[in-house]
Amino acid sequence: MSPQEILIALVFFSLLIAVHEFGHFLAAKLCRVRVEEFSVGMGPLLVGKKWGETFYCLRAVPLGGYNKMAGMEPETLDDPRGFYRQSGGRRLAILISGSLMNFLLAVLIYAFIFWALGSPSNQPVIGRVLPDWPAQEAGLAAGDRIVAINGRSIDYWQDMVSIIHRSPGMPLELTVERKGRVFRVEIVPRLDPQSQVGMIGVEPSLIRFSPFGALGQGIRQTALVLYLVLVGLGQMFARQVPVDLVGPVGVVQLLGEAARFGTASVLSFAAFISLNLGLFNLFPIPALDGSRLLFLAVEALRGRPVDPRKEGLVHLVGFAVLVGMLLIITYRDLLRIFG
């Protein structure tokens, strides 16, 4: 990875964490819980400023962030504006707001892609011809519609791609429509060394949506990706697919690789990571938001809260376990990246 790719990846990863923590921060402020510190990043302080009752700061390691709310530590449990002195409904709103903000960010990112960058069309119309590939050598141009291949009618972009992928090194006769004129060209797909399929070097045309249409598409895309993530997790737990986890280092590396394929790839991957971050934090794992939600549910069933000191101990042990898992996953990420 180049330094530029690493920088882009760190910026996006830090943004996702900051958005999550800002969700908690905003909900806490609306519920009148005193937030002592709002931090982007971890480790040594780089810069900070106190505004009102909150100290806002940027720290050196861009792989996390946190809100320090009153009433979360034993010596501040009696603070009237502390977290544990609030009603169950307010605590619920504060706990889920981080994940909701990540989901909202994903919707907005996907909506921006559909509006500003466009979504690939499934019509067999060429949107772009890549230089030094067979399509350019055969004289194909943006706007050309592929009507047929070897006499077989082509209705969708995927139909054309399937035939080309299966035909590396094999001559294909393409029937092309250009501005009302129909002609034929012969083209030989080239074997792509990475994907091991035939390619001719064309990209589909793009469809751009109105702002409201893009927002609707963003919501649908977010719901679809969440569904696919949940299905994938179910398959991993059922051992139908191998467990494949990445930590912050792996995410930064994957974001850097996505940067090579343009803005749309970076934004799509950032939205995907934002959804995963929001979903993961809702799991009932000690030290995560989902664990605190579980304690809140126990409180509702019992009719009285769990001792905050005992709950804090559970989160402390869970945090230690999470750090250990993170170190193991990071070690695996480094092995995969550097061999």
Protein backbone atom coordinates (compact mmCIF):
# COMPACT_ATOMS: atom_id res chain seq x y z
CA MET A 1 0.00 0.00 0.00
CA SER A 2 1.20 3.47 -0.82
CA PRO A 3 1.30 6.20 1.87
CA GLN A 4 -1.59 7.93 0.08
CA GLU A 5 -3.76 4.79 0.24
CA ILE A 6 -2.94 4.33 3.93
CA LEU A 7 -3.85 7.98 4.63
CA ILE A 8 -7.19 7.65 2.78
CA ALA A 9 -7.99 4.45 4.67
CA LEU A 10 -7.16 5.98 8.07
CA VAL A 11 -9.28 9.04 7.35
CA PHE A 12 -12.31 6.94 6.41
CA PHE A 13 -11.89 4.52 9.31
CA SER A 14 -11.57 7.40 11.79
CA LEU A 15 -14.68 9.00 10.28
CA LEU A 16 -16.72 5.83 10.83
CA ILE A 17 -15.67 5.65 14.48
CA ALA A 18 -16.30 9.37 14.99
CA VAL A 19 -19.80 9.07 13.51
CA HIS A 20 -20.62 6.18 15.85
CA GLU A 21 -19.41 8.07 18.91
CA PHE A 22 -21.16 11.24 17.75
CA GLY A 23 -24.43 9.30 17.77
CA HIS A 24 -23.93 8.46 21.44
CA PHE A 25 -22.80 12.02 22.15
CA LEU A 26 -25.81 13.63 20.48
CA ALA A 27 -28.29 11.35 22.24
CA ALA A 28 -26.59 11.95 25.60
CA LYS A 29 -26.77 15.72 25.12
CA LEU A 30 -30.45 15.52 24.14
CA CYS A 31 -31.12 13.44 27.27
CA ARG A 32 -29.21 16.01 29.34
CA VAL A 33 -26.52 13.54 30.42
CA ARG A 34 -23.26 15.32 31.21
CA VAL A 35 -20.56 14.34 28.70
CA GLU A 36 -17.14 15.05 30.20
CA GLU A 37 -15.09 14.20 27.11
CA PHE A 38 -15.69 13.48 23.44
CA SER A 39 -12.61 11.94 21.81
CA VAL A 40 -11.77 10.98 18.24
CA GLY A 41 -8.87 8.54 18.31
CA MET A 42 -7.11 6.83 21.18
CA GLY A 43 -3.81 7.27 23.00
CA PRO A 44 -1.85 10.50 23.54
CA LEU A 45 -3.65 13.82 23.18
CA LEU A 46 -2.85 15.78 20.04
CA VAL A 47 -5.17 18.74 20.44
CA GLY A 48 -8.15 19.52 22.62
CA LYS A 49 -10.47 22.31 23.71
CA LYS A 50 -13.08 22.56 26.44
CA TRP A 51 -16.38 23.97 25.25
CA GLY A 52 -19.04 24.24 27.88
CA GLU A 53 -18.89 21.18 30.13
CA THR A 54 -17.29 18.88 27.51
CA PHE A 55 -13.63 18.49 26.57
CA TYR A 56 -13.35 17.81 22.81
CA CYS A 57 -10.10 16.21 21.71
CA LEU A 58 -8.23 14.51 18.90
CA ARG A 59 -5.85 11.73 19.92
CA ALA A 60 -2.85 10.20 18.19
CA VAL A 61 -4.09 6.70 17.24
CA PRO A 62 -6.92 6.96 14.65
CA LEU A 63 -8.42 3.56 15.42
CA GLY A 64 -11.13 4.36 17.92
CA GLY A 65 -12.85 7.00 19.97
CA TYR A 66 -15.11 7.35 22.98
CA ASN A 67 -17.51 9.45 25.03
CA LYS A 68 -16.81 9.86 28.73
CA MET A 69 -20.24 10.30 30.29
CA ALA A 70 -20.86 11.17 33.90
CA GLY A 71 -22.10 8.38 36.12
CA MET A 72 -20.22 5.59 34.34
CA GLU A 73 -17.51 5.24 37.02
CA PRO A 74 -17.93 4.18 40.69
CA GLU A 75 -17.04 7.60 42.10
CA THR A 76 -19.64 9.38 39.93
CA LEU A 77 -22.60 6.98 40.23
CA ASP A 78 -24.55 9.49 42.33
CA ASP A 79 -24.25 12.29 39.75
CA PRO A 80 -27.87 13.40 39.05
CA ARG A 81 -26.95 13.92 35.40
CA GLY A 82 -25.08 10.62 35.20
CA PHE A 83 -25.91 7.82 32.78
CA TYR A 84 -27.26 5.35 35.35
CA ARG A 85 -29.52 7.99 36.95
CA GLN A 86 -31.52 8.29 33.73
CA SER A 87 -34.71 6.43 32.86
CA GLY A 88 -34.55 3.15 30.96
CA GLY A 89 -35.92 4.81 27.84
CA ARG A 90 -33.22 7.48 27.84
CA ARG A 91 -30.44 4.95 28.40
CA LEU A 92 -31.87 2.83 25.56
CA ALA A 93 -31.82 5.84 23.24
CA ILE A 94 -28.21 6.65 24.15
CA LEU A 95 -27.03 3.06 23.69
CA ILE A 96 -28.59 2.42 20.27
CA SER A 97 -27.83 5.86 18.84
CA GLY A 98 -24.24 4.97 17.88
CA SER A 99 -25.30 2.05 15.69
CA LEU A 100 -28.24 4.01 14.28
CA MET A 101 -25.83 6.76 13.25
CA ASN A 102 -23.67 4.18 11.44
CA PHE A 103 -26.73 2.85 9.61
CA LEU A 104 -27.77 6.40 8.68
CA LEU A 105 -24.26 7.14 7.40
CA ALA A 106 -24.43 4.05 5.17
CA VAL A 107 -27.77 5.19 3.74
CA LEU A 108 -26.36 8.64 2.98
CA ILE A 109 -23.18 7.22 1.39
CA TYR A 110 -25.14 4.88 -0.87
CA ALA A 111 -27.58 7.69 -1.72
CA PHE A 112 -24.65 9.94 -2.69
CA ILE A 113 -23.27 7.21 -4.95
CA PHE A 114 -26.63 6.73 -6.71
CA TRP A 115 -27.07 10.49 -7.11
CA ALA A 116 -23.59 11.83 -7.89
CA LEU A 117 -21.66 8.86 -9.27
CA GLY A 118 -24.39 6.65 -10.67
CA SER A 119 -25.29 2.98 -10.50
CA PRO A 120 -24.20 0.48 -13.20
CA SER A 121 -26.99 -0.19 -15.67
CA ASN A 122 -27.85 -3.76 -16.71
CA GLN A 123 -28.54 -2.59 -20.26
CA PRO A 124 -25.88 -3.88 -22.73
CA VAL A 125 -24.65 -0.34 -23.44
CA ILE A 126 -20.96 0.49 -23.13
CA GLY A 127 -20.27 3.34 -20.73
CA ARG A 128 -16.49 3.39 -21.02
CA VAL A 129 -13.81 1.67 -23.13
CA LEU A 130 -10.53 1.02 -21.34
CA PRO A 131 -7.32 1.83 -23.22
CA ASP A 132 -5.10 -0.97 -24.57
CA TRP A 133 -7.79 -3.62 -24.35
CA PRO A 134 -9.43 -5.62 -27.20
CA ALA A 135 -12.56 -3.43 -27.18
CA GLN A 136 -10.54 -0.33 -28.04
CA GLU A 137 -8.53 -2.21 -30.65
CA ALA A 138 -11.79 -3.38 -32.28
CA GLY A 139 -13.10 0.21 -32.46
CA LEU A 140 -15.85 -0.01 -29.84
CA ALA A 141 -16.83 3.27 -28.18
CA ALA A 142 -18.90 4.60 -25.28
CA GLY A 143 -22.59 4.53 -26.14
CA ASP A 144 -22.40 1.40 -28.30
CA ARG A 145 -25.16 -1.15 -27.64
CA ILE A 146 -24.24 -4.82 -27.95
CA VAL A 147 -27.19 -6.37 -29.79
CA ALA A 148 -25.88 -9.93 -30.22
CA ILE A 149 -22.81 -12.13 -29.76
CA ASN A 150 -22.26 -14.92 -32.32
CA GLY A 151 -25.88 -14.46 -33.39
CA ARG A 152 -27.26 -14.85 -29.86
CA SER A 153 -29.45 -11.94 -28.81
CA ILE A 154 -28.16 -9.92 -25.83
CA ASP A 155 -30.77 -8.27 -23.61
CA TYR A 156 -28.75 -7.55 -20.46
CA TRP A 157 -25.21 -6.50 -19.61
CA GLN A 158 -24.72 -9.62 -17.50
CA ASP A 159 -25.58 -11.84 -20.50
CA MET A 160 -22.72 -10.24 -22.45
CA VAL A 161 -20.31 -10.48 -19.52
CA SER A 162 -21.05 -14.19 -19.01
CA ILE A 163 -20.21 -15.03 -22.62
CA ILE A 164 -17.03 -12.95 -22.63
CA HIS A 165 -15.82 -14.39 -19.33
CA ARG A 166 -16.17 -17.92 -20.71
CA SER A 167 -14.34 -17.14 -23.97
CA PRO A 168 -10.71 -16.07 -23.35
CA GLY A 169 -8.71 -16.41 -26.56
CA MET A 170 -11.80 -17.32 -28.61
CA PRO A 171 -12.97 -15.02 -31.47
CA LEU A 172 -16.43 -13.55 -30.89
CA GLU A 173 -18.61 -11.75 -33.42
CA LEU A 174 -20.36 -8.79 -31.81
CA THR A 175 -23.36 -7.15 -33.43
CA VAL A 176 -23.21 -3.49 -32.43
CA GLU A 177 -25.73 -0.66 -32.71
CA ARG A 178 -24.30 2.87 -32.84
CA LYS A 179 -26.57 5.87 -33.41
CA GLY A 180 -29.08 3.81 -35.41
CA ARG A 181 -26.42 2.04 -37.48
CA VAL A 182 -25.83 -1.69 -37.01
CA PHE A 183 -22.46 -3.30 -37.76
CA ARG A 184 -20.38 -6.32 -36.74
CA VAL A 185 -16.90 -6.57 -35.27
CA GLU A 186 -14.74 -9.54 -34.35
CA ILE A 187 -13.10 -9.42 -30.94
CA VAL A 188 -10.94 -11.86 -28.97
CA PRO A 189 -11.32 -11.61 -25.16
CA ARG A 190 -8.05 -11.47 -23.25
CA LEU A 191 -7.44 -13.68 -20.21
CA ASP A 192 -7.24 -11.48 -17.12
CA PRO A 193 -4.39 -12.83 -14.95
CA GLN A 194 -6.07 -11.86 -11.67
CA SER A 195 -9.65 -13.04 -12.22
CA GLN A 196 -8.73 -15.81 -14.71
CA VAL A 197 -11.67 -14.92 -16.98
CA GLY A 198 -11.93 -13.40 -20.43
CA MET A 199 -12.24 -9.61 -20.62
CA ILE A 200 -12.42 -7.06 -23.44
CA GLY A 201 -12.02 -3.85 -21.40
CA VAL A 202 -15.45 -2.24 -21.21
CA GLU A 203 -17.52 -0.83 -18.37
CA PRO A 204 -21.33 -0.48 -18.23
CA SER A 205 -23.18 2.77 -18.57
CA LEU A 206 -24.34 4.49 -15.39
CA ILE A 207 -27.79 5.52 -14.19
CA ARG A 208 -28.02 8.61 -11.99
CA PHE A 209 -31.03 9.17 -9.75
CA SER A 210 -32.77 12.27 -8.48
CA PRO A 211 -31.98 13.20 -4.84
CA PHE A 212 -35.18 11.57 -3.53
CA GLY A 213 -34.79 8.58 -5.83
CA ALA A 214 -31.19 8.18 -4.68
CA LEU A 215 -32.28 8.30 -1.04
CA GLY A 216 -34.78 5.50 -1.68
CA GLN A 217 -32.10 3.46 -3.44
CA GLY A 218 -29.74 4.12 -0.53
CA ILE A 219 -32.26 2.77 1.96
CA ARG A 220 -32.88 -0.34 -0.17
CA GLN A 221 -29.14 -0.93 -0.66
CA THR A 222 -28.50 -0.57 3.08
CA ALA A 223 -31.26 -3.09 3.88
CA LEU A 224 -29.92 -5.51 1.27
CA VAL A 225 -26.33 -5.32 2.56
CA LEU A 226 -27.49 -5.76 6.16
CA TYR A 227 -29.47 -8.84 5.13
CA LEU A 228 -26.47 -10.32 3.30
CA VAL A 229 -24.20 -9.65 6.30
CA LEU A 230 -26.64 -11.40 8.63
CA VAL A 231 -26.92 -14.35 6.23
CA GLY A 232 -23.12 -14.56 6.08
CA LEU A 233 -22.85 -14.50 9.87
CA GLY A 234 -25.46 -17.24 10.11
CA GLN A 235 -23.50 -19.37 7.67
CA MET A 236 -20.30 -18.84 9.67
CA PHE A 237 -21.98 -19.87 12.93
CA ALA A 238 -23.42 -22.92 11.14
CA ARG A 239 -19.92 -23.66 9.81
CA GLN A 240 -21.20 -23.60 6.23
CA VAL A 241 -18.47 -21.08 5.31
CA PRO A 242 -15.07 -20.50 6.96
CA VAL A 243 -14.77 -17.82 9.65
CA ASP A 244 -12.99 -14.81 8.14
CA LEU A 245 -12.53 -11.83 10.45
CA VAL A 246 -10.44 -8.72 9.97
CA GLY A 247 -9.41 -6.10 12.50
CA PRO A 248 -8.61 -2.40 12.14
CA VAL A 249 -5.35 -3.11 10.29
CA GLY A 250 -7.17 -5.37 7.83
CA VAL A 251 -9.91 -2.80 7.32
CA VAL A 252 -7.34 -0.08 6.60
CA GLN A 253 -5.61 -2.38 4.09
CA LEU A 254 -8.89 -3.24 2.34
CA LEU A 255 -9.90 0.44 2.21
CA GLY A 256 -6.53 1.22 0.66
CA GLU A 257 -7.08 -1.46 -1.99
CA ALA A 258 -10.56 -0.09 -2.71
CA ALA A 259 -8.99 3.34 -3.29
CA ARG A 260 -7.24 1.94 -6.37
CA PHE A 261 -10.61 1.39 -8.08
CA GLY A 262 -11.94 4.91 -7.66
CA THR A 263 -14.23 6.96 -5.49
CA ALA A 264 -17.29 4.72 -5.83
CA SER A 265 -15.37 1.67 -4.57
CA VAL A 266 -13.99 3.56 -1.56
CA LEU A 267 -17.41 4.95 -0.63
CA SER A 268 -19.17 1.59 -1.09
CA PHE A 269 -16.64 -0.16 1.11
CA ALA A 270 -16.86 2.61 3.72
CA ALA A 271 -20.66 2.17 3.82
CA PHE A 272 -20.21 -1.59 4.18
CA ILE A 273 -17.78 -1.15 7.09
CA SER A 274 -20.10 1.39 8.71
CA LEU A 275 -22.95 -1.15 8.62
CA ASN A 276 -20.72 -3.85 10.07
CA LEU A 277 -19.52 -1.52 12.82
CA GLY A 278 -23.07 -0.59 13.76
CA LEU A 279 -24.25 -4.20 13.70
CA PHE A 280 -21.24 -5.56 15.64
CA ASN A 281 -21.77 -3.06 18.45
CA LEU A 282 -25.30 -4.39 18.96
CA PHE A 283 -24.05 -7.92 19.69
CA PRO A 284 -24.42 -8.88 23.39
CA ILE A 285 -20.66 -8.95 23.96
CA PRO A 286 -19.37 -7.44 27.24
CA ALA A 287 -18.02 -3.88 26.78
CA LEU A 288 -20.10 -3.33 23.61
CA ASP A 289 -23.39 -1.45 23.38
CA GLY A 290 -25.28 -4.73 22.93
CA SER A 291 -24.12 -5.97 26.33
CA ARG A 292 -25.39 -2.81 28.01
CA LEU A 293 -28.69 -3.28 26.19
CA LEU A 294 -28.84 -6.82 27.60
CA PHE A 295 -28.39 -5.49 31.13
CA LEU A 296 -31.13 -2.95 30.41
CA ALA A 297 -33.45 -5.80 29.36
CA VAL A 298 -32.61 -7.72 32.56
CA GLU A 299 -33.45 -4.57 34.53
CA ALA A 300 -36.82 -4.33 32.80
CA LEU A 301 -37.62 -7.98 33.61
CA ARG A 302 -36.47 -7.75 37.25
CA GLY A 303 -38.07 -4.39 37.89
CA ARG A 304 -34.84 -3.05 39.39
CA PRO A 305 -31.40 -2.26 37.94
CA VAL A 306 -28.34 -4.48 38.18
CA ASP A 307 -25.69 -3.05 40.51
CA PRO A 308 -23.70 -0.69 38.24
CA ARG A 309 -20.47 -1.80 39.93
CA LYS A 310 -21.11 -5.45 39.04
CA GLU A 311 -22.12 -4.48 35.51
CA GLY A 312 -18.96 -2.39 35.20
CA LEU A 313 -16.85 -5.38 36.24
CA VAL A 314 -18.45 -7.50 33.51
CA HIS A 315 -17.69 -4.82 30.91
CA LEU A 316 -14.12 -4.49 32.20
CA VAL A 317 -13.48 -8.23 31.81
CA GLY A 318 -15.18 -8.19 28.42
CA PHE A 319 -13.02 -5.29 27.32
CA ALA A 320 -9.88 -7.23 28.25
CA VAL A 321 -11.12 -10.22 26.23
CA LEU A 322 -11.92 -7.97 23.26
CA VAL A 323 -8.44 -6.45 23.37
CA GLY A 324 -6.94 -9.94 23.36
CA MET A 325 -9.09 -10.97 20.38
CA LEU A 326 -8.17 -7.74 18.60
CA LEU A 327 -4.46 -8.46 19.07
CA ILE A 328 -4.87 -11.96 17.63
CA ILE A 329 -6.87 -10.71 14.64
CA THR A 330 -4.37 -7.90 14.06
CA TYR A 331 -1.53 -10.44 14.10
CA ARG A 332 -3.37 -12.49 11.47
CA ASP A 333 -3.98 -9.35 9.40
CA LEU A 334 -0.27 -8.49 9.48
CA LEU A 335 0.63 -12.04 8.44
CA ARG A 336 -1.81 -11.88 5.53
CA ILE A 337 -0.57 -8.47 4.39
CA PHE A 338 3.16 -8.98 4.80
CA GLY A 339 3.33 -12.76 4.50
